[in-house]
Amino acid sequence: MASQPRRGGVSLPDRRAPKNNNQSGIIAKLTNSPIVSHGKQAACEAVYVSKKLLRSTGKAAWIAGTTFLILVVPLIIEMDREQQLNELELQQASLLGAPPVNPTHPVPR
């Protein structure tokens, strides 16, 4: 029973031996042409330049992001605290009965 071929399943075609007629085919002539080799070289150089550009862009984004976090975010937080303190002072002044003072205009005397 072991010598009988299996029935069903997928049968693959036999592999063909590669043609070796000394690169006389049209595809072989095209792949060995100087235009194709220059095109391959240009494509490789374009990939190299784009990788370097992406890497330097990533570095610049990292520098800009960390600078923003270190310098700008604390400034925004401090400005928000100052605004809340001014609003609290105005609220306390209005509860005590003092006339509201506009911080942008001086009080007339």
N, C-alpha and C. Protein backbone atom coordinates (compact mmCIF):
# COMPACT_ATOMS: atom_id res chain seq x y z
N MET A 1 0.81 -1.19 0.00
CA MET A 1 0.00 0.00 0.00
C MET A 1 0.86 1.25 0.00
N ALA A 2 2.04 1.18 0.58
CA ALA A 2 2.89 2.35 0.68
C ALA A 2 3.44 2.75 -0.68
N SER A 3 3.48 1.82 -1.63
CA SER A 3 4.06 2.14 -2.93
C SER A 3 3.06 2.81 -3.87
N GLN A 4 1.78 2.83 -3.51
CA GLN A 4 0.78 3.45 -4.36
C GLN A 4 0.79 4.96 -4.14
N PRO A 5 0.61 5.73 -5.23
CA PRO A 5 0.57 7.19 -5.09
C PRO A 5 -0.70 7.64 -4.37
N ARG A 6 -0.64 8.76 -3.73
CA ARG A 6 -1.81 9.30 -3.01
C ARG A 6 -2.80 9.87 -3.98
N ARG A 7 -4.02 9.76 -3.62
CA ARG A 7 -5.08 10.34 -4.44
C ARG A 7 -5.58 11.61 -3.77
N GLY A 8 -5.95 12.59 -4.55
CA GLY A 8 -6.44 13.85 -4.01
C GLY A 8 -5.28 14.78 -3.67
N GLY A 9 -5.59 15.92 -3.15
CA GLY A 9 -4.55 16.87 -2.79
C GLY A 9 -4.13 17.70 -4.00
N VAL A 10 -3.08 18.45 -3.82
CA VAL A 10 -2.59 19.33 -4.87
C VAL A 10 -1.34 18.73 -5.49
N SER A 11 -1.32 18.68 -6.80
CA SER A 11 -0.13 18.19 -7.47
C SER A 11 0.57 19.38 -8.13
N LEU A 12 1.84 19.50 -7.91
CA LEU A 12 2.61 20.59 -8.47
C LEU A 12 3.26 20.15 -9.76
N PRO A 13 3.42 21.06 -10.71
CA PRO A 13 4.08 20.68 -11.96
C PRO A 13 5.57 20.44 -11.71
N ASP A 14 6.16 19.65 -12.60
CA ASP A 14 7.59 19.39 -12.49
C ASP A 14 8.37 20.68 -12.73
N ARG A 15 9.49 20.82 -12.03
CA ARG A 15 10.32 22.02 -12.22
C ARG A 15 11.07 21.92 -13.54
N ARG A 16 11.13 23.05 -14.20
CA ARG A 16 11.87 23.09 -15.45
C ARG A 16 13.31 23.49 -15.18
N ALA A 17 14.19 22.97 -15.90
CA ALA A 17 15.60 23.35 -15.77
C ALA A 17 15.77 24.73 -16.38
N PRO A 18 16.56 25.61 -15.71
CA PRO A 18 16.74 26.95 -16.26
C PRO A 18 17.48 26.90 -17.60
N LYS A 19 17.06 27.80 -18.48
CA LYS A 19 17.70 27.87 -19.80
C LYS A 19 19.06 28.53 -19.64
N ASN A 20 20.03 28.00 -20.24
CA ASN A 20 21.37 28.55 -20.17
C ASN A 20 21.89 28.71 -21.59
N ASN A 21 21.41 29.73 -22.26
CA ASN A 21 21.88 29.96 -23.61
C ASN A 21 22.72 31.23 -23.65
N ASN A 22 23.65 31.32 -22.70
CA ASN A 22 24.66 32.37 -22.66
C ASN A 22 24.07 33.78 -22.71
N GLN A 23 23.03 34.00 -21.95
CA GLN A 23 22.41 35.31 -21.78
C GLN A 23 22.03 35.93 -23.13
N SER A 24 21.45 35.16 -23.99
CA SER A 24 21.08 35.69 -25.30
C SER A 24 19.62 36.13 -25.33
N GLY A 25 18.89 35.96 -24.20
CA GLY A 25 17.49 36.35 -24.18
C GLY A 25 17.32 37.86 -24.07
N ILE A 26 16.15 38.33 -24.39
CA ILE A 26 15.87 39.78 -24.37
C ILE A 26 15.93 40.33 -22.95
N ILE A 27 15.47 39.53 -21.97
CA ILE A 27 15.49 40.00 -20.58
C ILE A 27 16.92 40.12 -20.09
N ALA A 28 17.76 39.19 -20.47
CA ALA A 28 19.16 39.25 -20.06
C ALA A 28 19.85 40.45 -20.69
N LYS A 29 19.51 40.75 -21.92
CA LYS A 29 20.10 41.93 -22.57
C LYS A 29 19.65 43.22 -21.89
N LEU A 30 18.39 43.25 -21.50
CA LEU A 30 17.89 44.46 -20.83
C LEU A 30 18.49 44.64 -19.45
N THR A 31 18.62 43.57 -18.68
CA THR A 31 19.14 43.70 -17.32
C THR A 31 20.62 44.05 -17.31
N ASN A 32 21.33 43.72 -18.37
CA ASN A 32 22.76 44.04 -18.44
C ASN A 32 23.04 45.36 -19.16
N SER A 33 22.01 46.08 -19.57
CA SER A 33 22.24 47.32 -20.30
C SER A 33 22.71 48.42 -19.35
N PRO A 34 23.46 49.40 -19.86
CA PRO A 34 23.95 50.48 -18.99
C PRO A 34 22.82 51.37 -18.46
N ILE A 35 21.74 51.48 -19.19
CA ILE A 35 20.62 52.31 -18.72
C ILE A 35 20.02 51.71 -17.45
N VAL A 36 19.85 50.40 -17.45
CA VAL A 36 19.29 49.73 -16.28
C VAL A 36 20.24 49.84 -15.11
N SER A 37 21.53 49.68 -15.34
CA SER A 37 22.48 49.77 -14.23
C SER A 37 22.51 51.19 -13.67
N HIS A 38 22.42 52.21 -14.52
CA HIS A 38 22.35 53.59 -14.04
C HIS A 38 21.06 53.83 -13.26
N GLY A 39 19.98 53.24 -13.73
CA GLY A 39 18.70 53.37 -13.02
C GLY A 39 18.76 52.72 -11.65
N LYS A 40 19.37 51.54 -11.56
CA LYS A 40 19.52 50.87 -10.26
C LYS A 40 20.38 51.70 -9.32
N GLN A 41 21.46 52.27 -9.86
CA GLN A 41 22.34 53.09 -9.03
C GLN A 41 21.61 54.34 -8.55
N ALA A 42 20.82 54.97 -9.41
CA ALA A 42 20.06 56.15 -9.02
C ALA A 42 19.02 55.80 -7.95
N ALA A 43 18.39 54.65 -8.09
CA ALA A 43 17.39 54.22 -7.10
C ALA A 43 18.06 53.97 -5.75
N CYS A 44 19.22 53.34 -5.76
CA CYS A 44 19.95 53.09 -4.51
C CYS A 44 20.35 54.40 -3.84
N GLU A 45 20.82 55.35 -4.64
CA GLU A 45 21.20 56.65 -4.09
C GLU A 45 19.99 57.39 -3.54
N ALA A 46 18.85 57.29 -4.21
CA ALA A 46 17.63 57.94 -3.73
C ALA A 46 17.18 57.34 -2.40
N VAL A 47 17.29 56.04 -2.27
CA VAL A 47 16.94 55.39 -1.01
C VAL A 47 17.88 55.83 0.10
N TYR A 48 19.17 55.92 -0.20
CA TYR A 48 20.16 56.36 0.79
C TYR A 48 19.87 57.78 1.26
N VAL A 49 19.59 58.68 0.32
CA VAL A 49 19.30 60.07 0.67
C VAL A 49 18.01 60.17 1.48
N SER A 50 16.99 59.42 1.10
CA SER A 50 15.74 59.50 1.85
C SER A 50 15.89 58.94 3.25
N LYS A 51 16.70 57.90 3.43
CA LYS A 51 16.94 57.39 4.78
C LYS A 51 17.65 58.43 5.63
N LYS A 52 18.65 59.08 5.06
CA LYS A 52 19.37 60.12 5.81
C LYS A 52 18.45 61.29 6.14
N LEU A 53 17.58 61.65 5.19
CA LEU A 53 16.65 62.76 5.42
C LEU A 53 15.66 62.41 6.52
N LEU A 54 15.14 61.19 6.50
CA LEU A 54 14.21 60.77 7.55
C LEU A 54 14.89 60.74 8.91
N ARG A 55 16.13 60.28 8.94
CA ARG A 55 16.85 60.22 10.20
C ARG A 55 17.10 61.62 10.75
N SER A 56 17.52 62.56 9.88
CA SER A 56 17.78 63.92 10.35
C SER A 56 16.49 64.63 10.72
N THR A 57 15.40 64.34 10.00
CA THR A 57 14.11 64.93 10.35
C THR A 57 13.65 64.42 11.70
N GLY A 58 13.86 63.15 11.98
CA GLY A 58 13.50 62.59 13.28
C GLY A 58 14.30 63.23 14.39
N LYS A 59 15.60 63.45 14.15
CA LYS A 59 16.43 64.10 15.16
C LYS A 59 15.95 65.53 15.41
N ALA A 60 15.61 66.25 14.35
CA ALA A 60 15.13 67.63 14.50
C ALA A 60 13.79 67.65 15.25
N ALA A 61 12.92 66.71 14.97
CA ALA A 61 11.64 66.64 15.68
C ALA A 61 11.86 66.33 17.16
N TRP A 62 12.81 65.46 17.45
CA TRP A 62 13.13 65.14 18.85
C TRP A 62 13.65 66.39 19.58
N ILE A 63 14.55 67.13 18.94
CA ILE A 63 15.11 68.34 19.56
C ILE A 63 14.01 69.37 19.78
N ALA A 64 13.16 69.58 18.78
CA ALA A 64 12.08 70.56 18.92
C ALA A 64 11.09 70.14 20.01
N GLY A 65 10.76 68.87 20.06
CA GLY A 65 9.80 68.40 21.07
C GLY A 65 10.33 68.53 22.49
N THR A 66 11.57 68.13 22.71
CA THR A 66 12.12 68.23 24.06
C THR A 66 12.34 69.67 24.47
N THR A 67 12.73 70.52 23.54
CA THR A 67 12.88 71.95 23.84
C THR A 67 11.54 72.54 24.23
N PHE A 68 10.49 72.17 23.51
CA PHE A 68 9.15 72.67 23.85
C PHE A 68 8.76 72.22 25.25
N LEU A 69 9.01 70.96 25.57
CA LEU A 69 8.63 70.45 26.89
C LEU A 69 9.41 71.12 28.01
N ILE A 70 10.68 71.40 27.78
CA ILE A 70 11.51 71.96 28.84
C ILE A 70 11.29 73.46 29.01
N LEU A 71 11.10 74.19 27.92
CA LEU A 71 11.02 75.64 28.01
C LEU A 71 9.61 76.21 27.97
N VAL A 72 8.76 75.71 27.12
CA VAL A 72 7.46 76.35 26.88
C VAL A 72 6.39 75.85 27.83
N VAL A 73 6.36 74.57 28.12
CA VAL A 73 5.30 74.04 28.99
C VAL A 73 5.35 74.65 30.39
N PRO A 74 6.51 74.79 31.05
CA PRO A 74 6.52 75.47 32.36
C PRO A 74 6.06 76.92 32.27
N LEU A 75 6.38 77.60 31.17
CA LEU A 75 5.92 78.98 31.00
C LEU A 75 4.40 79.03 30.90
N ILE A 76 3.80 78.12 30.17
CA ILE A 76 2.34 78.08 30.04
C ILE A 76 1.71 77.80 31.40
N ILE A 77 2.28 76.87 32.16
CA ILE A 77 1.74 76.55 33.49
C ILE A 77 1.82 77.76 34.41
N GLU A 78 2.95 78.47 34.39
CA GLU A 78 3.10 79.65 35.24
C GLU A 78 2.14 80.76 34.85
N MET A 79 1.92 80.94 33.56
CA MET A 79 0.96 81.97 33.11
C MET A 79 -0.45 81.61 33.56
N ASP A 80 -0.79 80.34 33.53
CA ASP A 80 -2.11 79.89 33.98
C ASP A 80 -2.27 80.12 35.49
N ARG A 81 -1.23 79.84 36.26
CA ARG A 81 -1.28 80.09 37.71
C ARG A 81 -1.48 81.57 38.01
N GLU A 82 -0.76 82.41 37.27
CA GLU A 82 -0.89 83.87 37.47
C GLU A 82 -2.30 84.34 37.15
N GLN A 83 -2.87 83.81 36.10
CA GLN A 83 -4.24 84.18 35.74
C GLN A 83 -5.23 83.72 36.82
N GLN A 84 -5.05 82.51 37.32
CA GLN A 84 -5.94 82.03 38.38
C GLN A 84 -5.79 82.87 39.65
N LEU A 85 -4.57 83.28 39.98
CA LEU A 85 -4.35 84.13 41.15
C LEU A 85 -5.03 85.48 40.98
N ASN A 86 -4.93 86.07 39.81
CA ASN A 86 -5.60 87.35 39.55
C ASN A 86 -7.12 87.21 39.66
N GLU A 87 -7.66 86.14 39.13
CA GLU A 87 -9.11 85.92 39.22
C GLU A 87 -9.54 85.72 40.67
N LEU A 88 -8.73 85.02 41.46
CA LEU A 88 -9.03 84.81 42.88
C LEU A 88 -9.01 86.13 43.64
N GLU A 89 -8.03 86.98 43.36
CA GLU A 89 -7.96 88.29 44.01
C GLU A 89 -9.16 89.15 43.66
N LEU A 90 -9.57 89.12 42.40
CA LEU A 90 -10.75 89.88 41.99
C LEU A 90 -12.01 89.34 42.67
N GLN A 91 -12.12 88.04 42.80
CA GLN A 91 -13.28 87.45 43.46
C GLN A 91 -13.31 87.81 44.95
N GLN A 92 -12.16 87.77 45.61
CA GLN A 92 -12.11 88.14 47.02
C GLN A 92 -12.42 89.61 47.22
N ALA A 93 -11.93 90.45 46.32
CA ALA A 93 -12.20 91.88 46.42
C ALA A 93 -13.68 92.16 46.24
N SER A 94 -14.34 91.44 45.34
CA SER A 94 -15.77 91.68 45.14
C SER A 94 -16.57 91.16 46.34
N LEU A 95 -16.12 90.10 47.01
CA LEU A 95 -16.81 89.60 48.20
C LEU A 95 -16.66 90.55 49.38
N LEU A 96 -15.53 91.25 49.48
CA LEU A 96 -15.30 92.17 50.57
C LEU A 96 -15.95 93.52 50.33
N GLY A 97 -16.50 93.73 49.17
CA GLY A 97 -17.22 94.96 48.88
C GLY A 97 -16.36 96.03 48.25
N ALA A 98 -15.14 95.78 47.97
CA ALA A 98 -14.29 96.77 47.32
C ALA A 98 -14.67 96.85 45.85
N PRO A 99 -14.51 98.01 45.25
CA PRO A 99 -14.83 98.12 43.82
C PRO A 99 -13.86 97.26 43.02
N PRO A 100 -14.36 96.60 41.98
CA PRO A 100 -13.48 95.75 41.18
C PRO A 100 -12.41 96.58 40.48
N VAL A 101 -11.21 96.09 40.51
CA VAL A 101 -10.09 96.79 39.90
C VAL A 101 -9.73 96.05 38.63
N ASN A 102 -9.70 96.81 37.53
CA ASN A 102 -9.30 96.22 36.26
C ASN A 102 -7.78 96.30 36.18
N PRO A 103 -7.08 95.20 36.08
CA PRO A 103 -5.62 95.24 36.13
C PRO A 103 -4.99 95.95 34.94
N THR A 104 -5.73 96.14 33.84
CA THR A 104 -5.15 96.80 32.67
C THR A 104 -5.25 98.31 32.77
N HIS A 105 -6.26 98.84 33.53
CA HIS A 105 -6.44 100.28 33.66
C HIS A 105 -6.14 100.70 35.10
N PRO A 106 -5.36 101.76 35.27
CA PRO A 106 -5.09 102.21 36.64
C PRO A 106 -6.33 102.82 37.29
N VAL A 107 -6.37 102.77 38.60
CA VAL A 107 -7.51 103.30 39.37
C VAL A 107 -7.36 104.83 39.42
N PRO A 108 -8.42 105.58 39.06
CA PRO A 108 -8.32 107.05 39.13
C PRO A 108 -8.30 107.51 40.60
N ARG A 109 -7.58 108.60 40.88
CA ARG A 109 -7.46 109.12 42.24
C ARG A 109 -8.14 110.43 42.40
